[in-house]
Amino acid sequence: MVKEAIDCIDAGTEYCPCKLAEYGQCLICSQCQGQVFCDCLNWKGVCIYQELHNNGYKAKEGRKTFDCNVEEVINNNNNLIIIKFKAPHKLVLDLVKPGSYIFIRTDDNHYFDIPISIMNSDIENDIISIAVEIRGIKTAKLLNTKANENIVIRGPYWNGVFGIKNILAQNNTKALILARGIGLAPMMPVIRKLLSQNNELQAVLDKDPFNVNFATELLEKYKIKTSENSLLDKGQLSDHAKVIIKDALEDGVTFIHIAGADILTYSVINYLNEINRNDVVLSCCNNFKMCCGEGICGACTSRFSGHRVKRFCKEQADPRNIFEGRRFI
């Protein structure tokens, strides 16, 4: 029997053990799941059960809420808004890593908080930048955001990208970035991390459905090869995208980061299967719905074969595994 590799993004951090451990549903620790033996699925160097015991069998204090001053607001035709705000230095440091996101409060009712990925975390000036696509009732309220006013956020959270261990494993190699739409925002911390590990990057950007590439200002700070092309055609991976991927692989690319909707990730995975390149390492955006960010509410859960339920606001996964064995009913 092969045990599935399971990883919790919060394991071993200052927020561990969390409410899941308190309620006997820890993703990692067998003893926190009510079993009598120690059999951690993915040990992070910290005994979660001991931490729970030392804390009186209660979860540690969760994420805090911050009132932050808005420095700048850029509105693009009321369908995209970029907000830059000043935040506490520790929070800015915590939000540098790939996959970082926060919840933004648009109403007095905290159940209406919106999960938004970090586009840039400037540790020199303590400025956080986010890009929000205006899609519904909650995001539309952000159009009222103005400079020099306060914005209420909750964080930090880190599971906005799947395949983080694959990103961290890339050193002195070649990587391809495929980004589409609002995926250009969470793409930036990934690019920053890959460059810091001395990787050679090529980024292919599809700005659809927007009329501007809102990541241009940040991309100009990095020396990477970029181009703008259509990645999807009528819900399928475009022929041009297939040529780009194939040429990149022939050029020695061994890692692809996909920043976009699930249909883009799914299409790229299928294409790699078609050309027998399952050896290519992947990472992608986490597009699951989120509400509490702590694995309790169930908004992020998905059912898989074998009666498995995964909480994707907490659980890290390889991009290929989030589609394999997934049940849609």
Protein backbone atom coordinates (compact mmCIF):
# COMPACT_ATOMS: atom_id res chain seq x y z
CA MET A 1 0.00 0.00 0.00
CA VAL A 2 1.37 3.40 -1.02
CA LYS A 3 0.50 6.20 1.37
CA GLU A 4 -0.54 9.43 -0.32
CA ALA A 5 1.75 12.36 0.36
CA ILE A 6 -0.25 14.94 2.30
CA ASP A 7 1.06 18.31 3.33
CA CYS A 8 -0.51 21.09 5.38
CA ILE A 9 0.60 24.62 4.56
CA ASP A 10 0.33 25.67 8.23
CA ALA A 11 2.07 22.67 9.81
CA GLY A 12 4.98 23.76 11.98
CA THR A 13 4.12 27.46 11.75
CA GLU A 14 3.02 29.85 14.47
CA TYR A 15 -0.60 28.98 13.60
CA CYS A 16 -0.16 25.26 14.30
CA PRO A 17 -1.97 23.48 15.88
CA CYS A 18 -5.12 25.01 14.43
CA LYS A 19 -8.82 24.39 14.97
CA LEU A 20 -8.67 21.22 12.87
CA ALA A 21 -6.27 19.67 15.39
CA GLU A 22 -8.42 20.85 18.29
CA TYR A 23 -11.44 19.13 16.73
CA GLY A 24 -9.54 15.91 15.94
CA GLN A 25 -9.26 16.54 12.20
CA CYS A 26 -5.57 17.47 11.79
CA LEU A 27 -4.34 16.78 8.26
CA ILE A 28 -0.92 15.57 9.38
CA CYS A 29 -0.85 14.24 12.96
CA SER A 30 -2.32 10.78 13.57
CA GLN A 31 -2.62 11.36 17.32
CA CYS A 32 -4.51 14.60 16.77
CA GLN A 33 -6.87 12.49 14.67
CA GLY A 34 -7.63 10.33 17.72
CA GLN A 35 -5.28 7.44 16.96
CA VAL A 36 -3.03 6.00 19.65
CA PHE A 37 0.23 5.83 17.71
CA CYS A 38 2.54 8.41 16.15
CA ASP A 39 2.47 8.26 12.37
CA CYS A 40 2.78 11.76 10.92
CA LEU A 41 2.00 11.89 7.23
CA ASN A 42 4.54 14.64 6.57
CA TRP A 43 6.62 15.63 9.58
CA LYS A 44 7.74 19.27 9.62
CA GLY A 45 10.20 19.01 12.50
CA VAL A 46 7.60 19.99 15.10
CA CYS A 47 5.39 17.60 17.07
CA ILE A 48 1.89 18.94 16.50
CA TYR A 49 0.43 16.76 19.25
CA GLN A 50 2.95 18.05 21.78
CA GLU A 51 2.18 21.62 20.76
CA LEU A 52 -1.53 20.88 21.20
CA HIS A 53 -0.87 19.31 24.62
CA ASN A 54 1.27 22.25 25.75
CA ASN A 55 -1.48 24.64 24.68
CA GLY A 56 -4.11 22.92 26.80
CA TYR A 57 -5.55 20.97 23.86
CA LYS A 58 -6.66 24.23 22.29
CA ALA A 59 -5.76 25.72 18.93
CA LYS A 60 -3.22 28.50 18.87
CA GLU A 61 -4.36 32.03 18.23
CA GLY A 62 -5.48 32.39 14.64
CA ARG A 63 -4.84 35.06 12.06
CA LYS A 64 -5.32 38.65 13.12
CA THR A 65 -7.27 41.46 11.53
CA PHE A 66 -5.46 44.65 10.53
CA ASP A 67 -6.61 48.16 9.66
CA CYS A 68 -4.35 49.30 6.83
CA ASN A 69 -4.05 52.68 5.15
CA VAL A 70 -4.68 52.69 1.40
CA GLU A 71 -1.83 54.39 -0.46
CA GLU A 72 -3.07 54.13 -4.05
CA VAL A 73 -6.05 52.83 -6.00
CA ILE A 74 -5.98 52.14 -9.75
CA ASN A 75 -9.33 51.46 -11.40
CA ASN A 76 -9.39 49.93 -14.88
CA ASN A 77 -12.84 50.36 -16.42
CA ASN A 78 -14.57 49.14 -13.25
CA ASN A 79 -13.65 45.52 -14.02
CA LEU A 80 -10.22 45.50 -12.41
CA ILE A 81 -8.93 47.40 -9.40
CA ILE A 82 -5.39 47.50 -8.03
CA ILE A 83 -5.04 48.50 -4.39
CA LYS A 84 -1.76 49.36 -2.69
CA PHE A 85 -1.83 49.69 1.08
CA LYS A 86 0.61 50.04 3.96
CA ALA A 87 0.76 47.13 6.39
CA PRO A 88 2.72 46.08 9.50
CA HIS A 89 6.25 44.99 8.65
CA LYS A 90 5.86 41.42 9.93
CA LEU A 91 2.72 40.93 7.86
CA VAL A 92 4.51 42.22 4.76
CA LEU A 93 7.36 39.76 5.39
CA ASP A 94 4.91 36.89 5.86
CA LEU A 95 3.22 37.68 2.54
CA VAL A 96 6.35 37.62 0.37
CA LYS A 97 6.29 33.90 -0.36
CA PRO A 98 4.49 32.35 -3.36
CA GLY A 99 0.87 31.46 -2.67
CA SER A 100 0.34 34.23 -0.13
CA TYR A 101 -3.14 35.71 0.14
CA ILE A 102 -5.32 37.69 2.51
CA PHE A 103 -9.00 38.18 3.23
CA ILE A 104 -10.37 41.67 2.59
CA ARG A 105 -13.37 42.87 4.56
CA THR A 106 -15.96 44.77 2.54
CA ASP A 107 -18.73 44.75 5.13
CA ASP A 108 -19.14 44.78 8.91
CA ASN A 109 -20.11 41.13 8.61
CA HIS A 110 -16.85 39.15 8.52
CA TYR A 111 -18.57 36.32 6.66
CA PHE A 112 -18.35 38.53 3.58
CA ASP A 113 -14.53 38.64 3.57
CA ILE A 114 -12.93 38.09 0.15
CA PRO A 115 -9.81 35.94 -0.39
CA ILE A 116 -7.37 37.83 -2.63
CA SER A 117 -3.88 36.78 -3.74
CA ILE A 118 -0.90 39.01 -3.12
CA MET A 119 0.56 40.55 -6.26
CA ASN A 120 3.52 42.22 -4.59
CA SER A 121 4.83 42.57 -1.05
CA ASP A 122 7.34 45.41 -0.81
CA ILE A 123 9.38 44.75 2.33
CA GLU A 124 11.40 47.95 1.88
CA ASN A 125 8.39 50.26 2.11
CA ASP A 126 5.88 47.92 3.81
CA ILE A 127 3.48 48.24 0.88
CA ILE A 128 1.26 45.36 -0.25
CA SER A 129 -0.28 45.36 -3.74
CA ILE A 130 -3.31 43.35 -4.76
CA ALA A 131 -5.31 43.11 -7.98
CA VAL A 132 -9.02 42.32 -7.81
CA GLU A 133 -11.26 41.34 -10.70
CA ILE A 134 -14.74 42.79 -10.16
CA ARG A 135 -17.04 39.79 -10.50
CA GLY A 136 -19.85 39.99 -7.97
CA ILE A 137 -21.48 41.73 -5.03
CA LYS A 138 -18.53 41.58 -2.65
CA THR A 139 -15.81 42.60 -5.09
CA ALA A 140 -17.99 45.40 -6.49
CA LYS A 141 -17.90 47.09 -3.09
CA LEU A 142 -14.14 47.48 -3.47
CA LEU A 143 -14.79 50.01 -6.23
CA ASN A 144 -15.60 52.44 -3.42
CA THR A 145 -12.08 52.11 -2.00
CA LYS A 146 -10.21 55.42 -1.96
CA ALA A 147 -6.65 56.48 -1.17
CA ASN A 148 -5.92 57.62 2.40
CA GLU A 149 -8.81 55.56 3.74
CA ASN A 150 -8.54 52.36 5.76
CA ILE A 151 -8.98 48.85 4.47
CA VAL A 152 -9.55 45.90 6.83
CA ILE A 153 -7.66 42.70 6.05
CA ARG A 154 -7.07 39.32 7.70
CA GLY A 155 -3.96 37.23 7.23
CA PRO A 156 -1.45 35.95 6.42
CA TYR A 157 -2.53 32.86 4.47
CA TRP A 158 -0.24 30.86 2.20
CA ASN A 159 -2.06 28.15 0.24
CA GLY A 160 -2.87 30.21 -2.84
CA VAL A 161 -0.59 28.09 -5.03
CA PHE A 162 -0.40 24.31 -5.45
CA GLY A 163 3.00 22.70 -5.93
CA ILE A 164 4.97 25.07 -3.69
CA LYS A 165 7.56 22.38 -2.97
CA ASN A 166 8.12 22.12 -6.73
CA ILE A 167 8.78 25.87 -6.88
CA LEU A 168 11.25 25.66 -4.01
CA ALA A 169 13.06 22.76 -5.70
CA GLN A 170 13.89 24.75 -8.85
CA ASN A 171 17.50 25.92 -8.82
CA ASN A 172 19.71 26.93 -11.76
CA THR A 173 17.26 25.60 -14.32
CA LYS A 174 14.80 26.82 -16.95
CA ALA A 175 11.14 27.50 -16.22
CA LEU A 176 8.07 28.54 -18.21
CA ILE A 177 5.33 30.76 -16.79
CA LEU A 178 1.86 30.61 -18.37
CA ALA A 179 -0.46 33.29 -16.98
CA ARG A 180 -3.93 34.38 -17.97
CA GLY A 181 -6.35 37.03 -16.71
CA ILE A 182 -6.29 37.75 -13.00
CA GLY A 183 -3.66 34.99 -12.69
CA LEU A 184 -1.08 37.64 -13.57
CA ALA A 185 -1.32 38.85 -9.96
CA PRO A 186 -0.36 35.65 -8.05
CA MET A 187 2.22 34.98 -10.78
CA MET A 188 4.48 37.76 -9.50
CA PRO A 189 5.60 36.22 -6.16
CA VAL A 190 6.34 32.97 -8.02
CA ILE A 191 8.52 34.81 -10.53
CA ARG A 192 10.29 36.62 -7.73
CA LYS A 193 11.05 33.36 -5.92
CA LEU A 194 12.22 31.52 -9.04
CA LEU A 195 14.56 34.37 -9.97
CA SER A 196 16.01 34.41 -6.46
CA GLN A 197 16.94 30.75 -7.03
CA ASN A 198 18.88 31.64 -10.18
CA ASN A 199 16.41 30.21 -12.68
CA GLU A 200 16.04 31.33 -16.29
CA LEU A 201 12.42 32.30 -16.93
CA GLN A 202 10.17 32.74 -19.92
CA ALA A 203 6.71 34.21 -19.27
CA VAL A 204 3.81 33.95 -21.70
CA LEU A 205 0.95 36.26 -20.75
CA ASP A 206 -2.67 36.31 -21.86
CA LYS A 207 -4.33 39.47 -20.53
CA ASP A 208 -7.85 38.34 -21.52
CA PRO A 209 -10.47 39.34 -20.31
CA PHE A 210 -8.73 42.64 -19.52
CA ASN A 211 -7.57 45.20 -22.05
CA VAL A 212 -4.30 45.91 -20.24
CA ASN A 213 -1.43 43.90 -18.84
CA PHE A 214 -1.66 45.17 -15.26
CA ALA A 215 1.55 43.37 -14.25
CA THR A 216 3.77 45.36 -16.64
CA GLU A 217 5.10 47.72 -13.97
CA LEU A 218 6.32 44.84 -11.80
CA LEU A 219 7.59 42.73 -14.69
CA GLU A 220 9.82 45.59 -15.84
CA LYS A 221 11.80 45.23 -12.61
CA TYR A 222 12.89 41.73 -13.56
CA LYS A 223 15.04 40.60 -16.45
CA ILE A 224 12.87 37.90 -17.94
CA LYS A 225 11.69 37.12 -21.44
CA THR A 226 7.99 37.93 -21.80
CA SER A 227 5.48 37.72 -24.62
CA GLU A 228 1.72 38.17 -24.97
CA ASN A 229 -0.26 35.39 -26.63
CA SER A 230 -3.67 33.78 -26.39
CA LEU A 231 -3.46 30.65 -24.25
CA LEU A 232 -7.05 29.42 -24.59
CA ASP A 233 -9.24 29.09 -27.66
CA LYS A 234 -12.90 28.24 -27.09
CA GLY A 235 -12.14 26.52 -23.80
CA GLN A 236 -9.22 24.53 -25.20
CA LEU A 237 -5.48 25.06 -25.06
CA SER A 238 -4.68 27.17 -28.11
CA ASP A 239 -2.45 25.84 -30.88
CA HIS A 240 -0.08 28.71 -30.24
CA ALA A 241 0.19 27.73 -26.57
CA LYS A 242 0.97 24.14 -27.56
CA VAL A 243 3.79 25.33 -29.81
CA ILE A 244 5.17 27.54 -27.02
CA ILE A 245 5.14 24.66 -24.53
CA LYS A 246 6.70 22.19 -26.96
CA ASP A 247 9.45 24.62 -27.98
CA ALA A 248 10.17 25.45 -24.33
CA LEU A 249 10.49 21.77 -23.43
CA GLU A 250 12.86 21.20 -26.34
CA ASP A 251 14.88 24.16 -25.06
CA GLY A 252 15.38 22.44 -21.72
CA VAL A 253 12.47 23.71 -19.62
CA THR A 254 11.64 21.22 -16.87
CA PHE A 255 9.19 23.27 -14.80
CA ILE A 256 5.96 25.07 -15.73
CA HIS A 257 3.94 27.39 -13.51
CA ILE A 258 0.32 27.87 -14.59
CA ALA A 259 -1.36 31.02 -13.30
CA GLY A 260 -4.96 31.05 -14.40
CA ALA A 261 -8.30 29.29 -14.18
CA ASP A 262 -8.55 25.53 -13.65
CA ILE A 263 -9.42 25.03 -17.32
CA LEU A 264 -5.96 26.33 -18.25
CA THR A 265 -4.21 24.08 -15.74
CA TYR A 266 -6.28 21.07 -16.80
CA SER A 267 -5.59 21.74 -20.49
CA VAL A 268 -1.83 22.04 -19.95
CA ILE A 269 -1.75 18.80 -17.95
CA ASN A 270 -3.70 16.99 -20.67
CA TYR A 271 -1.36 18.29 -23.36
CA LEU A 272 1.70 17.16 -21.41
CA ASN A 273 0.09 13.72 -21.12
CA GLU A 274 -0.51 13.66 -24.87
CA ILE A 275 3.15 14.30 -25.65
CA ASN A 276 4.33 11.90 -22.92
CA ARG A 277 5.98 14.56 -20.78
CA ASN A 278 4.73 13.59 -17.34
CA ASP A 279 8.25 14.30 -16.10
CA VAL A 280 7.62 18.05 -16.32
CA VAL A 281 7.18 19.50 -12.83
CA LEU A 282 4.20 21.81 -12.30
CA SER A 283 2.73 24.41 -9.99
CA CYS A 284 -0.54 26.29 -10.40
CA CYS A 285 -3.03 28.66 -8.79
CA ASN A 286 -5.39 27.40 -6.10
CA ASN A 287 -8.82 28.32 -7.47
CA PHE A 288 -10.98 26.60 -4.87
CA LYS A 289 -13.64 28.68 -3.13
CA MET A 290 -12.61 29.87 0.32
CA CYS A 291 -14.49 31.42 3.19
CA CYS A 292 -12.86 30.93 6.60
CA GLY A 293 -9.36 29.99 5.43
CA GLU A 294 -9.02 27.50 8.30
CA GLY A 295 -10.56 24.34 6.83
CA ILE A 296 -13.63 24.51 9.06
CA CYS A 297 -16.43 25.98 6.94
CA GLY A 298 -16.14 23.44 4.12
CA ALA A 299 -16.20 25.95 1.25
CA CYS A 300 -12.80 24.75 0.01
CA THR A 301 -13.50 21.02 0.33
CA SER A 302 -13.62 18.63 -2.59
CA ARG A 303 -14.45 14.93 -2.69
CA PHE A 304 -12.13 12.36 -4.21
CA SER A 305 -12.35 8.66 -4.93
CA GLY A 306 -12.10 6.46 -1.86
CA HIS A 307 -14.42 8.75 0.14
CA ARG A 308 -11.61 11.23 0.68
CA VAL A 309 -12.40 14.85 1.46
CA LYS A 310 -9.64 17.40 1.02
CA ARG A 311 -9.58 20.88 2.52
CA PHE A 312 -7.72 22.92 -0.03
CA CYS A 313 -7.36 26.11 1.98
CA LYS A 314 -4.92 24.07 4.09
CA GLU A 315 -3.79 21.07 2.08
CA GLN A 316 -0.91 21.38 -0.35
CA ALA A 317 -1.06 19.21 -3.45
CA ASP A 318 0.65 18.55 -6.74
CA PRO A 319 -1.35 20.16 -9.57
CA ARG A 320 -1.89 16.79 -11.23
CA ASN A 321 -3.44 15.38 -8.05
CA ILE A 322 -6.16 18.03 -7.72
CA PHE A 323 -7.88 16.65 -10.82
CA GLU A 324 -7.04 12.94 -10.58
CA GLY A 325 -9.76 10.98 -8.80
CA ARG A 326 -11.82 14.11 -8.13
CA ARG A 327 -15.58 13.61 -7.88
CA PHE A 328 -17.90 16.30 -9.18
CA ILE A 329 -21.12 14.91 -7.66
